[in-house]
């Protein structure tokens, strides 16, 4: 990397943001962060948070810069932590390093920090400039911010559809609507997600693996929404739960015998005592509280429709294939709206994905202190 960057504050923070985004593995439940150390306007140290439990971006940047940082400046995308978790407080190392000025992208929404890191640095005589490209910094950690401010995971709905809006044919078969190129992108999404969720119908019909095979990265937690407790142990996800973590969100009707059988297969259970949409929402909340912040929902249409009814969807990832089948299973439904009140997206893009078109639509955007913008529903 060329360490001679135009010395504007914005460009330097953009470089820290770029560094934070280079990590391909999941770091949750921690946020993704990037940091720079400068001496006389020149970058002498770079760092980003590489893995959960490992050093934070500030620590890696200071280590990269070396000794004798008296009078240097730092850029960091997120307020430095001031508490002891898996690692010591970053504020202590910054103070001890001799850094005189720090530019902070955004305040940490974690209640354990929430401005206290900035106060501690200022009390130590360090000049702190805050809210430098705060919205761009927030885009790095939408799931983290939502979990800290809403106590609920970030929900991404993914669907592959035909041009006439079907996700499967009349027999329920969906292999394959999308192209190999699109399926590779989905595997990359799985590698970035904490958990992948499907409904019981998809699990029974497709018997999917929901693993990362066509991309680099670790397998996410596999989750099945099975409120009635009917899944058989012959499914690949159930049989392979001793190798790839698998969980079921189950409702009040699931029997003790069925639960015992699942646990014998190394399947973990989330039990909700609520029914219908309320049960699904409660199960997702429990999933978030276990540290799974980003949930990729791959199917089916009914489960995704329930999420739309609950106004829980934050982002849509739709792969539209140049195919027509006339009849079949429709993609998810959203609550009806008049045309003048049709659902709009905060941001949307279309990209070519092999022969398919890949649509990304941002429905909710989270910033520290302002919650969400507008939900589906």
Protein backbone atom coordinates (compact mmCIF):
# COMPACT_ATOMS: atom_id res chain seq x y z
CA UNK A 1 0.00 0.00 0.00
CA UNK A 2 1.22 3.51 -0.85
CA UNK A 3 1.57 5.19 2.51
CA UNK A 4 1.78 8.70 1.03
CA UNK A 5 -1.92 9.67 0.99
CA UNK A 6 -3.26 13.16 0.34
CA UNK A 7 -3.40 14.60 3.85
CA UNK A 8 -7.06 15.51 4.07
CA UNK A 9 -8.96 14.21 7.04
CA UNK A 10 -11.69 12.67 4.87
CA UNK A 11 -9.29 10.78 2.64
CA UNK A 12 -7.42 9.41 5.61
CA UNK A 13 -10.62 8.21 7.27
CA UNK A 14 -11.68 6.64 3.97
CA UNK A 15 -8.41 4.70 4.02
CA UNK A 16 -9.19 3.48 7.55
CA UNK A 17 -12.66 2.46 6.35
CA UNK A 18 -11.11 0.59 3.44
CA UNK A 19 -8.80 -1.26 5.81
CA UNK A 20 -11.73 -2.27 8.03
CA UNK A 21 -13.52 -3.69 5.01
CA UNK A 22 -10.62 -5.88 3.91
CA UNK A 23 -11.33 -8.57 6.52
CA UNK A 24 -13.22 -11.44 4.92
CA UNK A 25 -13.86 -13.57 7.98
CA UNK A 26 -16.54 -12.82 10.54
CA UNK A 27 -15.40 -10.80 13.55
CA UNK A 28 -18.82 -10.67 15.24
CA UNK A 29 -20.02 -10.09 17.81
CA UNK A 30 -17.29 -7.45 17.57
CA UNK A 31 -17.48 -4.66 14.97
CA UNK A 32 -15.19 -4.31 11.97
CA UNK A 33 -12.70 -1.49 12.52
CA UNK A 34 -9.71 0.09 10.81
CA UNK A 35 -6.98 2.41 12.12
CA UNK A 36 -4.02 4.46 10.91
CA UNK A 37 -1.09 6.05 12.75
CA UNK A 38 0.51 9.15 11.18
CA UNK A 39 3.69 11.10 11.82
CA UNK A 40 3.90 14.50 10.12
CA UNK A 41 1.10 13.58 7.74
CA UNK A 42 2.63 10.28 6.64
CA UNK A 43 1.06 6.92 7.45
CA UNK A 44 3.52 4.86 9.50
CA UNK A 45 1.15 2.21 10.83
CA UNK A 46 -2.02 0.44 9.65
CA UNK A 47 -4.30 -2.07 11.29
CA UNK A 48 -7.73 -3.64 11.28
CA UNK A 49 -9.61 -6.05 13.53
CA UNK A 50 -8.83 -9.44 12.02
CA UNK A 51 -10.80 -11.89 14.18
CA UNK A 52 -12.98 -12.07 17.26
CA UNK A 53 -10.84 -12.28 20.38
CA UNK A 54 -7.82 -10.87 18.56
CA UNK A 55 -6.24 -7.41 18.84
CA UNK A 56 -8.40 -4.46 17.82
CA UNK A 57 -7.52 -2.20 14.90
CA UNK A 58 -5.83 0.42 17.11
CA UNK A 59 -3.52 -2.17 18.65
CA UNK A 60 -2.50 -3.56 15.28
CA UNK A 61 -1.88 -0.06 13.89
CA UNK A 62 0.30 0.91 16.86
CA UNK A 63 2.27 -2.34 16.59
CA UNK A 64 2.74 -1.72 12.86
CA UNK A 65 3.98 1.81 13.54
CA UNK A 66 6.64 0.66 15.99
CA UNK A 67 8.02 2.46 19.04
CA UNK A 68 8.30 6.18 19.86
CA UNK A 69 4.92 7.50 18.73
CA UNK A 70 5.17 10.70 20.77
CA UNK A 71 3.27 13.46 18.97
CA UNK A 72 1.71 11.17 16.33
CA UNK A 73 -1.90 11.19 15.18
CA UNK A 74 -4.38 8.32 14.81
CA UNK A 75 -7.45 7.75 12.63
CA UNK A 76 -9.90 5.08 13.75
CA UNK A 77 -13.33 4.21 12.36
CA UNK A 78 -14.90 3.48 15.77
CA UNK A 79 -14.42 4.99 19.21
CA UNK A 80 -11.65 3.09 21.05
CA UNK A 81 -12.90 0.74 23.76
CA UNK A 82 -12.27 1.60 27.40
CA UNK A 83 -13.26 -1.67 29.05
CA UNK A 84 -11.69 -5.11 29.38
CA UNK A 85 -13.29 -7.86 27.31
CA UNK A 86 -11.37 -10.46 25.34
CA UNK A 87 -8.58 -7.87 25.16
CA UNK A 88 -7.43 -4.93 27.33
CA UNK A 89 -8.82 -1.40 26.75
CA UNK A 90 -7.50 0.23 23.58
CA UNK A 91 -7.61 3.63 25.27
CA UNK A 92 -4.86 2.59 27.70
CA UNK A 93 -2.49 1.62 24.89
CA UNK A 94 -3.23 4.83 22.93
CA UNK A 95 -2.54 6.97 26.00
CA UNK A 96 0.68 5.08 26.78
CA UNK A 97 1.88 5.32 23.16
CA UNK A 98 2.22 9.12 23.22
CA UNK A 99 -0.28 9.77 20.42
CA UNK A 100 -1.40 13.41 20.73
CA UNK A 101 -4.47 13.57 18.47
CA UNK A 102 -7.07 11.06 17.34
CA UNK A 103 -9.79 11.30 14.70
CA UNK A 104 -12.79 9.07 15.47
CA UNK A 105 -15.28 8.04 12.81
CA UNK A 106 -18.23 7.26 15.05
CA UNK A 107 -19.16 6.73 18.67
CA UNK A 108 -19.35 3.11 19.84
CA UNK A 109 -23.03 2.16 20.46
CA UNK A 110 -21.97 -0.56 22.90
CA UNK A 111 -23.32 0.55 26.30
CA UNK A 112 -19.99 -0.45 27.84
CA UNK A 113 -18.32 2.30 25.79
CA UNK A 114 -20.86 4.86 24.47
CA UNK A 115 -18.63 7.94 24.65
CA UNK A 116 -16.58 6.86 27.65
CA UNK A 117 -13.57 6.04 25.49
CA UNK A 118 -13.55 9.56 24.06
CA UNK A 119 -13.87 11.08 27.52
CA UNK A 120 -10.98 8.98 28.84
CA UNK A 121 -8.71 10.04 25.96
CA UNK A 122 -9.54 13.72 26.45
CA UNK A 123 -8.94 13.47 30.19
CA UNK A 124 -5.46 12.14 29.34
CA UNK A 125 -4.77 15.28 27.30
CA UNK A 126 -5.32 13.78 23.85
CA UNK A 127 -7.18 15.94 21.34
CA UNK A 128 -10.15 14.00 19.95
CA UNK A 129 -12.02 14.92 16.76
CA UNK A 130 -15.30 13.03 16.46
CA UNK A 131 -17.86 12.10 13.78
CA UNK A 132 -15.45 12.03 10.85
CA UNK A 133 -17.43 10.39 8.01
CA UNK A 134 -19.69 8.85 10.64
CA UNK A 135 -22.29 7.58 8.15
CA UNK A 136 -19.68 5.78 6.05
CA UNK A 137 -18.20 4.29 9.22
CA UNK A 138 -21.66 3.15 10.30
CA UNK A 139 -22.12 1.29 7.00
CA UNK A 140 -19.29 -1.04 8.05
CA UNK A 141 -21.23 -2.30 11.06
CA UNK A 142 -24.96 -2.17 10.42
CA UNK A 143 -25.58 -5.46 12.24
CA UNK A 144 -23.48 -4.42 15.25
CA UNK A 145 -25.26 -1.07 15.53
CA UNK A 146 -28.70 -2.65 15.20
CA UNK A 147 -27.92 -5.25 17.84
CA UNK A 148 -26.60 -2.63 20.25
CA UNK A 149 -29.44 -0.15 19.70
CA UNK A 150 -32.41 -2.40 18.88
CA UNK A 151 -31.41 -5.66 20.63
CA UNK A 152 -32.33 -7.55 17.45
CA UNK A 153 -30.23 -9.10 14.66
CA UNK A 154 -29.78 -7.65 11.19
CA UNK A 155 -31.94 -9.58 8.71
CA UNK A 156 -30.89 -10.13 5.08
CA UNK A 157 -33.39 -11.88 2.82
CA UNK A 158 -31.95 -13.64 -0.22
CA UNK A 159 -34.02 -15.11 -3.02
CA UNK A 160 -33.47 -16.49 -6.51
CA UNK A 161 -36.47 -15.86 -8.77
CA UNK A 162 -37.57 -16.40 -12.34
CA UNK A 163 -38.59 -13.45 -14.49
CA UNK A 164 -42.22 -14.21 -13.70
CA UNK A 165 -41.57 -14.09 -9.95
CA UNK A 166 -41.34 -17.75 -8.91
CA UNK A 167 -38.86 -19.24 -6.44
CA UNK A 168 -39.70 -22.87 -7.34
CA UNK A 169 -41.83 -24.86 -9.77
CA UNK A 170 -45.18 -26.47 -8.93
CA UNK A 171 -43.37 -29.46 -7.38
CA UNK A 172 -41.32 -27.20 -5.15
CA UNK A 173 -38.08 -27.72 -7.08
CA UNK A 174 -35.76 -24.73 -7.24
CA UNK A 175 -32.52 -26.33 -8.53
CA UNK A 176 -31.35 -24.39 -10.25
CA UNK A 177 -33.01 -21.06 -10.89
CA UNK A 178 -29.84 -19.02 -10.50
CA UNK A 179 -26.52 -19.44 -12.28
CA UNK A 180 -23.28 -20.89 -10.85
CA UNK A 181 -21.93 -17.33 -10.70
CA UNK A 182 -24.86 -16.23 -8.55
CA UNK A 183 -24.56 -19.26 -6.29
CA UNK A 184 -20.91 -18.40 -5.70
CA UNK A 185 -21.97 -14.92 -4.55
CA UNK A 186 -24.44 -16.54 -2.16
CA UNK A 187 -21.65 -18.67 -0.69
CA UNK A 188 -19.66 -15.48 -0.13
CA UNK A 189 -22.69 -14.04 1.67
CA UNK A 190 -22.84 -17.13 3.88
CA UNK A 191 -19.20 -16.68 4.79
CA UNK A 192 -19.97 -13.14 5.95
CA UNK A 193 -23.18 -14.03 7.84
CA UNK A 194 -23.27 -15.28 11.42
CA UNK A 195 -26.19 -17.58 10.67
CA UNK A 196 -28.19 -18.84 7.69
CA UNK A 197 -31.90 -19.41 8.24
CA UNK A 198 -34.47 -21.47 6.33
CA UNK A 199 -37.99 -22.58 7.09
CA UNK A 200 -39.08 -26.13 7.75
CA UNK A 201 -40.61 -26.44 4.26
CA UNK A 202 -37.34 -25.57 2.54
CA UNK A 203 -35.45 -27.95 4.82
CA UNK A 204 -37.79 -30.84 3.97
CA UNK A 205 -38.06 -30.14 0.22
CA UNK A 206 -34.49 -29.13 -0.65
CA UNK A 207 -32.53 -30.83 2.15
CA UNK A 208 -29.87 -28.09 1.78
CA UNK A 209 -26.43 -28.10 3.35
CA UNK A 210 -26.19 -24.30 3.82
CA UNK A 211 -22.41 -24.49 4.05
CA UNK A 212 -19.63 -22.42 2.46
CA UNK A 213 -18.19 -24.44 -0.41
CA UNK A 214 -17.64 -22.07 -3.35
CA UNK A 215 -15.96 -19.29 -1.38
CA UNK A 216 -13.33 -18.75 1.31
CA UNK A 217 -14.51 -18.56 4.87
CA UNK A 218 -16.00 -20.52 7.73
CA UNK A 219 -19.44 -22.11 7.78
CA UNK A 220 -22.14 -20.02 9.45
CA UNK A 221 -24.50 -21.39 12.06
CA UNK A 222 -27.31 -23.21 10.24
CA UNK A 223 -30.77 -22.43 11.62
CA UNK A 224 -34.12 -24.00 10.77
CA UNK A 225 -37.42 -22.47 11.82
CA UNK A 226 -39.55 -25.47 12.80
CA UNK A 227 -42.30 -24.25 15.15
CA UNK A 228 -44.13 -27.58 15.26
CA UNK A 229 -41.07 -29.77 15.83
CA UNK A 230 -41.53 -32.09 12.83
CA UNK A 231 -38.05 -32.28 11.28
CA UNK A 232 -36.77 -35.86 10.85
CA UNK A 233 -33.20 -36.75 11.70
CA UNK A 234 -32.52 -38.04 8.17
CA UNK A 235 -31.84 -34.51 6.84
CA UNK A 236 -28.25 -33.63 5.98
CA UNK A 237 -28.23 -30.62 8.28
CA UNK A 238 -29.39 -32.77 11.20
CA UNK A 239 -27.01 -35.64 10.42
CA UNK A 240 -24.10 -33.25 10.04
CA UNK A 241 -24.77 -31.14 13.13
CA UNK A 242 -21.78 -32.70 14.88
CA UNK A 243 -19.54 -31.14 12.20
CA UNK A 244 -21.31 -27.89 11.28
CA UNK A 245 -23.19 -26.06 14.06
CA UNK A 246 -26.94 -26.39 13.57
CA UNK A 247 -29.82 -24.91 15.53
CA UNK A 248 -33.62 -25.17 15.40
CA UNK A 249 -36.07 -22.49 16.51
CA UNK A 250 -38.92 -24.53 17.93
CA UNK A 251 -42.35 -23.62 19.30
CA UNK A 252 -44.68 -24.73 22.10
CA UNK A 253 -45.97 -27.78 20.18
CA UNK A 254 -42.61 -29.54 19.92
CA UNK A 255 -42.59 -32.68 22.04
CA UNK A 256 -39.98 -33.72 24.64
CA UNK A 257 -39.22 -36.87 22.62
CA UNK A 258 -38.54 -34.88 19.45
CA UNK A 259 -36.36 -32.40 21.36
CA UNK A 260 -34.37 -35.25 22.89
CA UNK A 261 -33.82 -36.82 19.46
CA UNK A 262 -32.54 -33.52 18.05
CA UNK A 263 -30.20 -32.96 20.97
CA UNK A 264 -28.84 -36.48 20.52
CA UNK A 265 -27.87 -35.42 16.98
CA UNK A 266 -25.93 -32.44 18.44
CA UNK A 267 -28.61 -29.99 17.28
CA UNK A 268 -29.02 -26.97 19.55
CA UNK A 269 -32.52 -25.71 20.25
CA UNK A 270 -34.03 -22.29 20.78
CA UNK A 271 -37.37 -22.72 22.48
CA UNK A 272 -40.07 -20.08 22.16
CA UNK A 273 -43.40 -20.25 23.97
CA UNK A 274 -45.06 -17.93 21.45
CA UNK A 275 -47.00 -18.82 18.31
CA UNK A 276 -46.87 -17.61 14.69
CA UNK A 277 -45.11 -14.38 13.85
CA UNK A 278 -44.53 -13.62 17.52
CA UNK A 279 -42.74 -16.94 17.96
CA UNK A 280 -40.48 -16.29 14.97
CA UNK A 281 -39.60 -12.82 16.25
CA UNK A 282 -38.87 -14.16 19.72
CA UNK A 283 -36.65 -16.90 18.29
CA UNK A 284 -34.67 -14.37 16.25
CA UNK A 285 -34.25 -12.13 19.27
CA UNK A 286 -32.87 -15.06 21.24
CA UNK A 287 -30.52 -15.83 18.35
CA UNK A 288 -29.20 -12.27 18.47
CA UNK A 289 -28.69 -12.44 22.21
CA UNK A 290 -26.48 -15.49 21.64
CA UNK A 291 -24.17 -13.30 19.55
CA UNK A 292 -25.49 -14.02 16.04
CA UNK A 293 -25.91 -10.52 14.66
CA UNK A 294 -26.28 -11.04 10.90
CA UNK A 295 -28.90 -13.53 9.73
CA UNK A 296 -29.07 -14.51 6.06
CA UNK A 297 -32.56 -15.86 5.29
CA UNK A 298 -32.43 -18.11 2.22
CA UNK A 299 -35.96 -19.52 2.20
CA UNK A 300 -38.66 -20.20 1.87
CA UNK A 301 -41.31 -17.83 0.65
CA UNK A 302 -43.60 -18.24 3.67
CA UNK A 303 -40.82 -17.60 6.19
CA UNK A 304 -39.70 -14.52 4.27
CA UNK A 305 -43.30 -13.29 4.07
CA UNK A 306 -43.58 -13.62 7.86
CA UNK A 307 -40.46 -11.48 8.23
CA UNK A 308 -41.99 -8.87 5.91
CA UNK A 309 -45.19 -8.87 7.99
CA UNK A 310 -43.05 -8.30 11.09
CA UNK A 311 -41.14 -5.43 9.41
CA UNK A 312 -37.92 -7.26 10.24
CA UNK A 313 -36.14 -7.20 6.87
CA UNK A 314 -33.17 -4.85 6.61
CA UNK A 315 -31.75 -5.81 3.21
CA UNK A 316 -32.90 -7.71 0.14
CA UNK A 317 -30.61 -9.72 -2.14
CA UNK A 318 -32.55 -10.88 -5.20
CA UNK A 319 -31.06 -12.90 -8.06
CA UNK A 320 -33.32 -12.65 -11.10
CA UNK A 321 -32.78 -15.36 -13.71
CA UNK A 322 -33.76 -15.11 -17.38
CA UNK A 323 -36.23 -17.99 -17.06
CA UNK A 324 -40.01 -18.34 -17.24
CA UNK A 325 -41.98 -21.25 -15.75
CA UNK A 326 -45.58 -20.00 -15.83
CA UNK A 327 -46.66 -21.55 -12.52
CA UNK A 328 -45.00 -22.39 -9.26
CA UNK A 329 -44.30 -21.03 -5.79
CA UNK A 330 -44.28 -17.27 -5.62
CA UNK A 331 -41.57 -15.20 -3.97
CA UNK A 332 -42.38 -13.66 -0.61
CA UNK A 333 -45.34 -11.40 -0.20
CA UNK A 334 -45.23 -8.08 1.59
CA UNK A 335 -48.21 -6.31 3.16
CA UNK A 336 -50.27 -4.59 0.46
CA UNK A 337 -49.58 -0.92 -0.24
CA UNK A 338 -51.10 1.72 -2.49
CA UNK A 339 -48.84 2.72 -5.38
CA UNK A 340 -48.12 6.13 -3.88
CA UNK A 341 -46.93 4.38 -0.70
CA UNK A 342 -44.94 1.63 -2.40
CA UNK A 343 -41.86 0.39 -0.59
CA UNK A 344 -38.78 2.35 -1.51
CA UNK A 345 -35.17 1.60 -0.75
CA UNK A 346 -32.64 3.83 0.94
CA UNK A 347 -30.10 2.52 -1.57
CA UNK A 348 -30.31 -0.04 -4.34
CA UNK A 349 -28.04 -1.49 -7.01
CA UNK A 350 -28.31 -3.88 -9.96
CA UNK A 351 -25.29 -5.95 -11.02
CA UNK A 352 -24.71 -8.58 -13.65
CA UNK A 353 -24.12 -12.03 -12.13
CA UNK A 354 -23.34 -14.41 -14.96
CA UNK A 355 -26.59 -14.53 -16.98
CA UNK A 356 -28.58 -13.30 -13.94
CA UNK A 357 -29.21 -9.85 -12.53
CA UNK A 358 -28.38 -9.31 -8.86
CA UNK A 359 -30.45 -6.72 -7.01
CA UNK A 360 -29.40 -5.36 -3.62
CA UNK A 361 -31.87 -3.16 -1.77
CA UNK A 362 -31.19 -1.46 1.57
CA UNK A 363 -34.43 -1.04 3.50
CA UNK A 364 -33.17 0.11 6.90
CA UNK A 365 -30.09 2.11 7.75
CA UNK A 366 -28.74 2.30 11.29
CA UNK A 367 -26.70 5.11 12.79
CA UNK A 368 -25.77 5.63 16.42
CA UNK A 369 -28.63 7.42 18.13
CA UNK A 370 -31.11 7.53 15.24
CA UNK A 371 -32.41 3.95 15.04
CA UNK A 372 -33.85 2.80 11.74
CA UNK A 373 -35.36 4.64 8.80
CA UNK A 374 -38.34 2.79 7.38
CA UNK A 375 -39.29 -0.88 7.75
CA UNK A 376 -40.97 -3.31 5.39
CA UNK A 377 -44.63 -3.42 6.35
